[in-house]
């Protein structure tokens, strides 16, 4: 207190309990922020600016018609009213964001919550001029910044839990510290908290959807919570993936985007990346598990479903691009995607949702390392070659045993495969041939379709012998 006046900015802050008011107000949801929507990830920036507003809510005045909703009443005293946006009101963040975006253009400063960032790829003097422009605009809007928390020329920033630099983004140091100290999950609530934390970094972690499968099963109804060895093993794998300091690179605008997707009975996998000077640069990883489908689906169905699921989850990175090269390890699926010729109505509905700027290519399964194993290593053929534009990338070592069953049920097991083939009728051989003409069907699908016929064939074969 100085001469009877209180400096509220340094010693005191008005705190009012607005919970009763919040219960009567409809909450306005704030649009979610995507890390890739920020300016530093949309182009290669070498220097960064971070602006922190001090007491951000109290810097914005309320309109006269809105002040009547923020009265503070005490017995025997007149009502006191807020003239500025109160802290603690349920819709204060949304209203503040609206006022900030109304005053400050996004091309000058990218705003998120009460902070703003800007990335530049210019020399130092041009960078300083941009800082001056930002300060002048904030001064015109009568906004004050916290100088101790603001950065005017930095090589990297901590933004929304990520560390952003000229090379791209990776999980921040705080996220890695939390993951390193994370204890074993002991209840369903612990699993939900862990899923909320780790899902925020899912695009950095290959195989996350499949690794989480045994853990998320514990959240199902009528399932006793038992933390088994498989859960602990997958938990440790997820922990190591985040602690390995994974990085997603900045997208280079003039280079084409590439996508690899693959599907299996365990789930789906995919990766969005670019090849810059023969260097593999991942932009995001994606994985998902199957829903609870009782029917066994064909390989074509699974591959097309993997394509459409990847597009739905990452369309914000694909729509509006000049050209996208998409690699799938199923020739029949590639033909359907490129030509759009199919009798399946579901496939047609999926095709109608894909943009026309995507070119699909076939890649041999042995080379589809990115999506097949969701690893970070890649040995890829240049898509600009004439061989790639014809729609076929030849395999160095083809998977000769791809699609063959590892185990066959005892009911269908025969001593001599040639004898089984010789005992097939012409209609059965024709039926199998038609199946293979439609695409590479998985062995479970074929056994599911021919189960009864194969049992009869075995019985006849045993009677003859």
Protein backbone atom coordinates (compact mmCIF):
# COMPACT_ATOMS: atom_id res chain seq x y z
CA UNK A 1 0.00 0.00 0.00
CA UNK A 2 1.44 3.36 -1.07
CA UNK A 3 -0.23 6.64 0.07
CA UNK A 4 -3.45 4.80 0.79
CA UNK A 5 -3.55 3.17 -2.65
CA UNK A 6 -3.13 -0.54 -3.28
CA UNK A 7 -1.11 -1.74 -6.26
CA UNK A 8 -3.33 -4.61 -7.37
CA UNK A 9 -0.93 -5.69 -10.10
CA UNK A 10 1.84 -6.64 -7.65
CA UNK A 11 0.35 -7.58 -4.29
CA UNK A 12 -3.36 -8.34 -4.57
CA UNK A 13 -5.73 -10.03 -6.98
CA UNK A 14 -9.50 -10.02 -6.82
CA UNK A 15 -10.88 -13.54 -6.43
CA UNK A 16 -14.64 -14.09 -6.56
CA UNK A 17 -16.47 -17.40 -6.28
CA UNK A 18 -18.54 -17.59 -9.48
CA UNK A 19 -19.58 -21.24 -9.21
CA UNK A 20 -23.24 -20.40 -8.65
CA UNK A 21 -23.20 -18.19 -11.76
CA UNK A 22 -21.43 -20.86 -13.79
CA UNK A 23 -24.18 -23.37 -13.00
CA UNK A 24 -26.77 -21.05 -14.56
CA UNK A 25 -24.75 -20.35 -17.71
CA UNK A 26 -24.50 -22.52 -20.80
CA UNK A 27 -20.87 -23.36 -21.44
CA UNK A 28 -19.52 -22.29 -24.82
CA UNK A 29 -16.98 -24.87 -25.96
CA UNK A 30 -13.62 -23.54 -27.05
CA UNK A 31 -12.36 -24.94 -30.36
CA UNK A 32 -9.57 -27.45 -29.86
CA UNK A 33 -6.03 -26.43 -30.76
CA UNK A 34 -3.93 -28.58 -33.09
CA UNK A 35 -0.18 -28.32 -32.81
CA UNK A 36 0.17 -28.60 -36.60
CA UNK A 37 -2.14 -25.60 -37.09
CA UNK A 38 0.40 -23.29 -35.47
CA UNK A 39 2.62 -21.19 -37.70
CA UNK A 40 5.98 -22.75 -36.68
CA UNK A 41 4.91 -26.13 -38.05
CA UNK A 42 3.47 -24.83 -41.30
CA UNK A 43 6.85 -23.66 -42.57
CA UNK A 44 10.48 -23.95 -41.57
CA UNK A 45 11.09 -21.24 -38.99
CA UNK A 46 14.54 -20.62 -37.53
CA UNK A 47 13.58 -18.02 -34.90
CA UNK A 48 10.55 -17.85 -32.65
CA UNK A 49 8.60 -15.24 -30.72
CA UNK A 50 6.45 -16.02 -27.67
CA UNK A 51 4.21 -13.36 -26.11
CA UNK A 52 2.61 -13.81 -22.68
CA UNK A 53 -0.20 -11.45 -21.63
CA UNK A 54 -0.15 -10.44 -17.97
CA UNK A 55 -3.48 -10.82 -16.13
CA UNK A 56 -5.05 -11.53 -19.48
CA UNK A 57 -8.71 -11.62 -18.40
CA UNK A 58 -8.54 -8.30 -16.56
CA UNK A 59 -7.20 -6.49 -19.65
CA UNK A 60 -10.55 -6.71 -21.45
CA UNK A 61 -13.45 -4.43 -20.55
CA UNK A 62 -17.00 -5.75 -20.46
CA UNK A 63 -19.78 -4.10 -22.42
CA UNK A 64 -22.28 -2.08 -20.40
CA UNK A 65 -25.06 -4.60 -21.07
CA UNK A 66 -22.93 -7.46 -19.72
CA UNK A 67 -21.80 -5.85 -16.47
CA UNK A 68 -25.14 -6.44 -14.75
CA UNK A 69 -24.42 -10.19 -14.76
CA UNK A 70 -21.32 -9.80 -12.59
CA UNK A 71 -22.60 -8.09 -9.44
CA UNK A 72 -21.03 -8.75 -6.04
CA UNK A 73 -23.53 -8.21 -3.23
CA UNK A 74 -22.77 -7.89 0.49
CA UNK A 75 -25.36 -7.41 3.27
CA UNK A 76 -25.98 -3.73 3.94
CA UNK A 77 -23.77 -2.62 1.04
CA UNK A 78 -24.48 -1.55 -2.54
CA UNK A 79 -23.71 -4.01 -5.34
CA UNK A 80 -20.26 -3.93 -6.84
CA UNK A 81 -19.90 -4.70 -10.54
CA UNK A 82 -17.04 -5.98 -12.62
CA UNK A 83 -15.99 -3.65 -15.41
CA UNK A 84 -13.52 -6.15 -16.80
CA UNK A 85 -13.70 -9.81 -17.73
CA UNK A 86 -13.68 -11.76 -14.43
CA UNK A 87 -11.38 -14.67 -13.79
CA UNK A 88 -13.28 -17.80 -12.83
CA UNK A 89 -16.25 -17.27 -15.14
CA UNK A 90 -16.93 -20.38 -17.22
CA UNK A 91 -16.98 -18.54 -20.57
CA UNK A 92 -14.16 -16.05 -19.92
CA UNK A 93 -11.56 -18.01 -21.96
CA UNK A 94 -13.81 -18.18 -25.03
CA UNK A 95 -14.77 -14.52 -24.83
CA UNK A 96 -11.13 -13.47 -24.36
CA UNK A 97 -10.09 -15.58 -27.36
CA UNK A 98 -12.81 -13.94 -29.45
CA UNK A 99 -11.65 -10.44 -28.47
CA UNK A 100 -7.99 -11.26 -29.12
CA UNK A 101 -8.64 -12.69 -32.58
CA UNK A 102 -10.80 -9.66 -33.37
CA UNK A 103 -7.98 -7.25 -32.53
CA UNK A 104 -4.85 -9.11 -33.64
CA UNK A 105 -4.62 -10.72 -37.12
CA UNK A 106 -3.41 -14.32 -37.25
CA UNK A 107 -0.75 -13.56 -39.86
CA UNK A 108 0.95 -11.24 -37.34
CA UNK A 109 0.67 -13.42 -34.22
CA UNK A 110 -0.80 -16.91 -33.82
CA UNK A 111 -2.87 -16.91 -30.63
CA UNK A 112 -3.67 -19.80 -28.32
CA UNK A 113 -5.45 -19.16 -25.03
CA UNK A 114 -3.79 -16.03 -23.57
CA UNK A 115 -0.46 -16.44 -25.35
CA UNK A 116 0.79 -15.85 -28.87
CA UNK A 117 3.62 -17.25 -30.96
CA UNK A 118 5.27 -16.43 -34.25
CA UNK A 119 7.96 -18.19 -36.26
CA UNK A 120 10.18 -16.45 -38.80
CA UNK A 121 12.62 -17.72 -41.42
CA UNK A 122 14.30 -14.36 -42.04
CA UNK A 123 17.60 -12.83 -40.94
CA UNK A 124 18.02 -11.24 -37.52
CA UNK A 125 17.23 -7.65 -38.60
CA UNK A 126 14.01 -8.68 -40.35
CA UNK A 127 13.08 -10.69 -37.25
CA UNK A 128 13.54 -7.61 -35.06
CA UNK A 129 11.29 -5.59 -37.36
CA UNK A 130 8.56 -8.23 -36.96
CA UNK A 131 8.93 -8.00 -33.17
CA UNK A 132 8.51 -4.23 -33.45
CA UNK A 133 5.32 -4.66 -35.51
CA UNK A 134 3.88 -7.00 -32.86
CA UNK A 135 4.68 -4.55 -30.05
CA UNK A 136 3.10 -1.64 -31.93
CA UNK A 137 -0.06 -3.66 -32.55
CA UNK A 138 -0.31 -4.69 -28.90
CA UNK A 139 0.19 -1.05 -27.90
CA UNK A 140 -2.60 0.09 -30.23
CA UNK A 141 -4.89 -2.51 -28.60
CA UNK A 142 -3.84 -1.31 -25.11
CA UNK A 143 -2.58 -4.78 -24.15
CA UNK A 144 0.26 -5.38 -21.69
CA UNK A 145 2.69 -8.29 -21.81
CA UNK A 146 4.67 -10.11 -19.15
CA UNK A 147 8.26 -9.40 -20.17
CA UNK A 148 9.75 -12.04 -17.85
CA UNK A 149 7.73 -14.83 -19.50
CA UNK A 150 7.95 -13.62 -23.10
CA UNK A 151 10.63 -14.66 -25.60
CA UNK A 152 11.56 -12.34 -28.44
CA UNK A 153 14.20 -14.40 -30.28
CA UNK A 154 14.45 -18.10 -29.44
CA UNK A 155 15.61 -21.18 -31.33
CA UNK A 156 12.91 -23.38 -29.76
CA UNK A 157 9.66 -22.98 -27.83
CA UNK A 158 7.56 -24.95 -25.36
CA UNK A 159 4.05 -24.82 -26.86
CA UNK A 160 0.99 -26.78 -25.69
CA UNK A 161 3.16 -29.51 -24.20
CA UNK A 162 5.44 -29.75 -27.24
CA UNK A 163 8.93 -28.51 -27.98
CA UNK A 164 8.89 -26.70 -31.34
CA UNK A 165 12.05 -25.91 -33.29
CA UNK A 166 13.13 -25.43 -36.90
CA UNK A 167 13.30 -29.23 -37.26
CA UNK A 168 9.71 -29.87 -36.19
CA UNK A 169 8.06 -30.84 -32.92
CA UNK A 170 8.58 -33.40 -30.19
CA UNK A 171 7.05 -34.02 -26.74
CA UNK A 172 8.17 -31.43 -24.23
CA UNK A 173 10.48 -32.05 -21.30
CA UNK A 174 7.57 -31.92 -18.84
CA UNK A 175 5.75 -34.70 -20.72
CA UNK A 176 8.85 -36.90 -20.64
CA UNK A 177 9.31 -36.27 -16.92
CA UNK A 178 5.70 -37.22 -16.24
CA UNK A 179 6.03 -40.40 -18.31
CA UNK A 180 9.29 -41.36 -16.61
CA UNK A 181 7.72 -41.10 -13.15
CA UNK A 182 4.42 -42.72 -14.15
CA UNK A 183 3.52 -45.51 -11.76
CA UNK A 184 1.82 -48.81 -12.52
CA UNK A 185 -1.90 -48.39 -13.22
CA UNK A 186 -3.96 -49.85 -10.38
CA UNK A 187 -7.56 -48.94 -11.25
CA UNK A 188 -9.89 -48.00 -14.09
CA UNK A 189 -9.55 -44.33 -13.17
CA UNK A 190 -5.77 -44.60 -13.50
CA UNK A 191 -6.21 -46.08 -16.99
CA UNK A 192 -8.51 -43.24 -18.05
CA UNK A 193 -6.06 -40.62 -16.80
CA UNK A 194 -3.21 -42.38 -18.59
CA UNK A 195 -5.21 -42.60 -21.83
CA UNK A 196 -5.98 -38.89 -21.66
CA UNK A 197 -2.29 -38.11 -21.24
CA UNK A 198 -0.78 -40.48 -23.79
CA UNK A 199 -3.44 -39.89 -26.46
CA UNK A 200 -2.30 -36.27 -26.64
CA UNK A 201 0.99 -37.54 -28.12
CA UNK A 202 -0.46 -40.37 -30.21
CA UNK A 203 0.82 -39.00 -33.54
CA UNK A 204 4.39 -39.35 -32.21
CA UNK A 205 4.04 -42.98 -31.11
CA UNK A 206 3.92 -45.84 -33.63
CA UNK A 207 1.74 -48.84 -32.75
CA UNK A 208 0.05 -46.93 -29.91
CA UNK A 209 -3.45 -48.16 -30.79
CA UNK A 210 -2.36 -51.80 -30.82
CA UNK A 211 -0.20 -51.48 -27.70
CA UNK A 212 -3.11 -49.99 -25.75
CA UNK A 213 -5.49 -52.79 -26.68
CA UNK A 214 -4.88 -55.11 -23.65
CA UNK A 215 -4.98 -52.08 -21.33
CA UNK A 216 -8.23 -50.64 -22.68
CA UNK A 217 -9.88 -54.08 -22.41
CA UNK A 218 -9.83 -53.60 -18.64
CA UNK A 219 -12.36 -50.76 -19.05
CA UNK A 220 -15.04 -53.01 -20.51
CA UNK A 221 -18.13 -53.95 -18.57
CA UNK A 222 -18.07 -57.10 -16.46
CA UNK A 223 -14.26 -57.33 -16.75
CA UNK A 224 -12.33 -57.79 -13.53
CA UNK A 225 -9.38 -55.40 -13.27
CA UNK A 226 -6.28 -57.58 -13.47
CA UNK A 227 -2.98 -55.97 -14.42
CA UNK A 228 -1.35 -58.87 -16.29
CA UNK A 229 2.16 -59.30 -17.69
CA UNK A 230 1.00 -58.30 -21.19
CA UNK A 231 -0.38 -55.01 -19.84
CA UNK A 232 2.89 -54.29 -18.05
CA UNK A 233 4.94 -55.18 -21.13
CA UNK A 234 2.91 -52.89 -23.40
CA UNK A 235 2.94 -50.13 -20.78
CA UNK A 236 6.75 -50.28 -20.70
CA UNK A 237 6.89 -50.20 -24.52
CA UNK A 238 4.69 -47.09 -24.64
CA UNK A 239 6.81 -45.50 -21.94
CA UNK A 240 10.02 -46.17 -23.87
CA UNK A 241 8.52 -44.82 -27.11
CA UNK A 242 7.82 -41.46 -25.47
CA UNK A 243 11.15 -41.34 -23.65
CA UNK A 244 13.05 -41.97 -26.90
CA UNK A 245 12.38 -38.32 -27.73
CA UNK A 246 10.47 -38.91 -31.00
CA UNK A 247 10.35 -36.07 -33.52
CA UNK A 248 7.88 -35.12 -36.23
CA UNK A 249 9.34 -32.92 -38.93
CA UNK A 250 8.09 -29.69 -40.41
CA UNK A 251 6.17 -30.12 -43.66
CA UNK A 252 8.00 -28.80 -46.72
CA UNK A 253 5.35 -27.06 -48.81
CA UNK A 254 6.73 -27.67 -52.30
CA UNK A 255 7.35 -31.40 -51.76
CA UNK A 256 4.61 -34.04 -52.22
CA UNK A 257 3.09 -35.81 -49.25
CA UNK A 258 3.34 -39.59 -49.00
CA UNK A 259 1.15 -42.01 -47.07
CA UNK A 260 1.66 -45.69 -46.29
CA UNK A 261 -1.20 -47.69 -44.78
CA UNK A 262 -1.61 -51.35 -43.96
CA UNK A 263 -4.26 -53.50 -42.32
CA UNK A 264 -4.20 -56.76 -40.39
CA UNK A 265 -6.45 -58.69 -38.03
CA UNK A 266 -4.85 -56.82 -35.11
CA UNK A 267 -5.58 -53.34 -36.45
CA UNK A 268 -4.55 -50.58 -38.84
CA UNK A 269 -1.32 -48.68 -39.22
CA UNK A 270 -0.16 -45.73 -41.28
CA UNK A 271 2.34 -42.93 -41.60
CA UNK A 272 2.30 -39.52 -43.27
CA UNK A 273 5.78 -38.49 -44.37
CA UNK A 274 7.96 -36.79 -46.96
CA UNK A 275 11.16 -37.81 -48.73
CA UNK A 276 13.57 -34.84 -48.70
CA UNK A 277 16.92 -35.51 -50.40
CA UNK A 278 16.37 -39.27 -49.98
CA UNK A 279 15.78 -38.73 -46.24
CA UNK A 280 12.67 -40.13 -44.55
CA UNK A 281 10.88 -37.39 -42.58
CA UNK A 282 7.77 -38.52 -40.68
CA UNK A 283 5.00 -35.97 -40.22
CA UNK A 284 2.73 -38.19 -38.11
CA UNK A 285 2.17 -41.81 -37.13
CA UNK A 286 -1.28 -43.38 -36.91
CA UNK A 287 -2.62 -46.66 -35.60
CA UNK A 288 -6.04 -47.99 -34.66
CA UNK A 289 -7.60 -51.26 -33.58
CA UNK A 290 -10.60 -53.00 -35.06
CA UNK A 291 -14.03 -52.46 -33.67
CA UNK A 292 -15.93 -55.43 -32.31
CA UNK A 293 -16.77 -57.08 -35.62
CA UNK A 294 -17.89 -60.69 -35.49
CA UNK A 295 -17.61 -61.32 -39.21
CA UNK A 296 -14.27 -62.05 -40.81
CA UNK A 297 -13.50 -59.43 -43.45
CA UNK A 298 -11.53 -59.88 -46.66
CA UNK A 299 -8.09 -58.39 -47.22
CA UNK A 300 -9.51 -55.88 -49.72
CA UNK A 301 -12.11 -54.73 -47.21
CA UNK A 302 -9.47 -54.27 -44.48
CA UNK A 303 -7.07 -52.38 -46.75
CA UNK A 304 -9.78 -50.00 -47.98
CA UNK A 305 -11.06 -49.54 -44.45
CA UNK A 306 -7.52 -48.66 -43.34
CA UNK A 307 -7.31 -46.02 -46.10
CA UNK A 308 -10.63 -44.38 -45.21
CA UNK A 309 -9.95 -44.49 -41.45
CA UNK A 310 -6.57 -42.81 -41.93
CA UNK A 311 -8.15 -40.14 -44.12
CA UNK A 312 -10.94 -39.44 -41.63
CA UNK A 313 -8.53 -38.97 -38.73
CA UNK A 314 -5.99 -36.87 -40.65
CA UNK A 315 -7.99 -35.06 -43.31
CA UNK A 316 -6.85 -31.70 -41.92
CA UNK A 317 -3.34 -32.60 -43.13
CA UNK A 318 -4.45 -33.94 -46.54
CA UNK A 319 -7.26 -31.74 -47.87
CA UNK A 320 -6.09 -28.91 -50.11
CA UNK A 321 -2.70 -30.40 -50.94
CA UNK A 322 -1.47 -30.36 -54.54
CA UNK A 323 -0.54 -34.03 -54.81
CA UNK A 324 -0.45 -37.00 -52.42
CA UNK A 325 1.17 -40.38 -53.13
CA UNK A 326 -0.55 -43.19 -51.23
CA UNK A 327 0.98 -46.69 -51.01
CA UNK A 328 -1.06 -49.84 -50.28
CA UNK A 329 0.19 -53.44 -50.41
CA UNK A 330 -2.92 -54.88 -52.08
CA UNK A 331 -3.18 -54.69 -55.89
CA UNK A 332 -6.93 -55.17 -56.04
CA UNK A 333 -7.50 -52.42 -53.48
CA UNK A 334 -5.23 -50.10 -55.50
CA UNK A 335 -7.20 -50.83 -58.68
CA UNK A 336 -10.47 -50.01 -56.93
CA UNK A 337 -9.05 -46.80 -55.47
CA UNK A 338 -7.62 -45.60 -58.79
CA UNK A 339 -10.40 -46.70 -61.15
CA UNK A 340 -13.42 -46.50 -58.84
CA UNK A 341 -14.89 -49.66 -60.39
CA UNK A 342 -16.56 -51.96 -57.87
CA UNK A 343 -19.95 -53.52 -57.21
CA UNK A 344 -19.68 -53.06 -53.45
CA UNK A 345 -21.82 -50.12 -52.34
CA UNK A 346 -19.79 -49.60 -49.17
CA UNK A 347 -16.57 -49.31 -51.18
CA UNK A 348 -18.25 -46.76 -53.45
CA UNK A 349 -19.35 -44.68 -50.46
CA UNK A 350 -15.78 -44.70 -49.15
CA UNK A 351 -14.37 -43.67 -52.53
CA UNK A 352 -16.74 -40.70 -52.71
CA UNK A 353 -15.13 -39.24 -49.57
CA UNK A 354 -11.57 -39.27 -50.91
CA UNK A 355 -10.25 -36.19 -52.77
CA UNK A 356 -9.07 -36.43 -56.37
CA UNK A 357 -5.51 -35.27 -55.66
CA UNK A 358 -4.50 -38.68 -54.26
CA UNK A 359 -2.61 -41.14 -56.48
CA UNK A 360 -2.58 -44.70 -55.20
CA UNK A 361 0.33 -47.07 -55.84
CA UNK A 362 0.97 -50.69 -55.04
CA UNK A 363 3.93 -51.46 -52.83
CA UNK A 364 5.10 -54.98 -52.07
CA UNK A 365 4.42 -56.16 -48.55
CA UNK A 366 8.10 -56.75 -47.84
CA UNK A 367 8.80 -53.05 -48.50
CA UNK A 368 5.83 -51.64 -46.64
CA UNK A 369 7.85 -51.35 -43.44
CA UNK A 370 6.30 -48.08 -42.34
CA UNK A 371 2.72 -49.25 -42.10
CA UNK A 372 3.27 -53.00 -41.77
CA UNK A 373 5.45 -52.79 -38.67
CA UNK A 374 4.93 -49.09 -37.92
CA UNK A 375 8.67 -48.71 -37.48
CA UNK A 376 10.70 -45.61 -38.29
CA UNK A 377 13.00 -47.26 -40.82
CA UNK A 378 12.23 -47.12 -44.51
CA UNK A 379 13.71 -48.39 -47.76
CA UNK A 380 11.60 -46.74 -50.38
CA UNK A 381 11.61 -46.45 -54.15
CA UNK A 382 11.44 -42.97 -55.63
CA UNK A 383 7.84 -42.33 -56.67
CA UNK A 384 8.98 -39.96 -59.40
CA UNK A 385 10.47 -42.85 -61.37
CA UNK A 386 8.59 -44.24 -64.36
CA UNK A 387 8.24 -47.51 -62.50
CA UNK A 388 6.43 -45.80 -59.63
CA UNK A 389 4.08 -43.85 -61.89
CA UNK A 390 2.94 -47.06 -63.53
CA UNK A 391 1.49 -48.01 -60.18
CA UNK A 392 3.84 -50.83 -59.20
CA UNK A 393 6.87 -50.78 -56.95
CA UNK A 394 8.79 -54.03 -57.36
CA UNK A 395 9.87 -55.89 -54.24
CA UNK A 396 13.48 -56.78 -53.59
CA UNK A 397 12.50 -59.89 -51.66
CA UNK A 398 8.86 -60.85 -52.11
CA UNK A 399 6.94 -62.40 -49.25
CA UNK A 400 6.46 -65.86 -50.69
CA UNK A 401 4.60 -67.12 -47.68
CA UNK A 402 2.45 -64.00 -47.26
CA UNK A 403 -1.14 -64.91 -46.51
CA UNK A 404 -0.48 -68.58 -45.73
CA UNK A 405 -1.81 -69.89 -42.42
CA UNK A 406 0.61 -70.39 -39.57
CA UNK A 407 -1.69 -72.90 -37.95
CA UNK A 408 -4.41 -75.05 -39.43
CA UNK A 409 -7.09 -76.58 -37.28
CA UNK A 410 -6.84 -80.33 -36.80
CA UNK A 411 -10.18 -80.75 -38.52
CA UNK A 412 -8.74 -79.45 -41.78
CA UNK A 413 -5.22 -80.84 -41.46
CA UNK A 414 -4.23 -83.24 -44.29
CA UNK A 415 -1.03 -85.21 -44.73
CA UNK A 416 -0.67 -84.38 -48.38
CA UNK A 417 -1.71 -80.98 -49.74
CA UNK A 418 -1.58 -82.27 -53.31
CA UNK A 419 -4.11 -84.99 -52.50
CA UNK A 420 -6.45 -82.34 -51.08
CA UNK A 421 -6.15 -80.25 -54.23
CA UNK A 422 -6.72 -83.26 -56.50
CA UNK A 423 -9.94 -84.14 -54.68
CA UNK A 424 -11.48 -80.71 -55.29
CA UNK A 425 -14.31 -80.66 -57.79
CA UNK A 426 -14.17 -78.41 -60.84
CA UNK A 427 -16.82 -76.13 -59.31
CA UNK A 428 -14.81 -75.80 -56.11
CA UNK A 429 -11.62 -75.01 -58.04
CA UNK A 430 -13.50 -72.43 -60.09
CA UNK A 431 -14.89 -70.89 -56.90
CA UNK A 432 -11.40 -70.59 -55.36
CA UNK A 433 -10.06 -69.13 -58.61
CA UNK A 434 -12.76 -66.45 -58.59
CA UNK A 435 -11.87 -65.57 -55.00
CA UNK A 436 -8.23 -65.04 -55.90
CA UNK A 437 -9.14 -63.02 -58.97
CA UNK A 438 -11.00 -60.57 -56.75
CA UNK A 439 -7.96 -60.08 -54.54
CA UNK A 440 -5.57 -61.62 -52.07
CA UNK A 441 -7.94 -63.10 -49.52
CA UNK A 442 -6.61 -64.02 -46.12
CA UNK A 443 -6.53 -67.67 -45.16
CA UNK A 444 -9.13 -67.23 -42.42
CA UNK A 445 -11.55 -65.79 -44.93
CA UNK A 446 -11.12 -68.74 -47.34
CA UNK A 447 -11.52 -71.31 -44.57
CA UNK A 448 -14.57 -69.46 -43.33
CA UNK A 449 -16.17 -69.65 -46.79
CA UNK A 450 -15.16 -73.25 -47.56
CA UNK A 451 -15.28 -74.80 -44.12
CA UNK A 452 -18.15 -77.20 -44.77
CA UNK A 453 -16.88 -78.25 -48.21
CA UNK A 454 -13.36 -78.92 -46.94
CA UNK A 455 -14.67 -81.12 -44.14
CA UNK A 456 -16.60 -83.19 -46.67
CA UNK A 457 -13.50 -83.44 -48.89
CA UNK A 458 -11.47 -84.75 -45.97
CA UNK A 459 -14.10 -87.36 -45.13
CA UNK A 460 -14.15 -88.60 -48.74
CA UNK A 461 -10.36 -88.70 -48.83
CA UNK A 462 -10.23 -90.75 -45.62
CA UNK A 463 -12.85 -93.20 -46.97
CA UNK A 464 -10.75 -93.82 -50.09
CA UNK A 465 -7.64 -94.50 -48.03
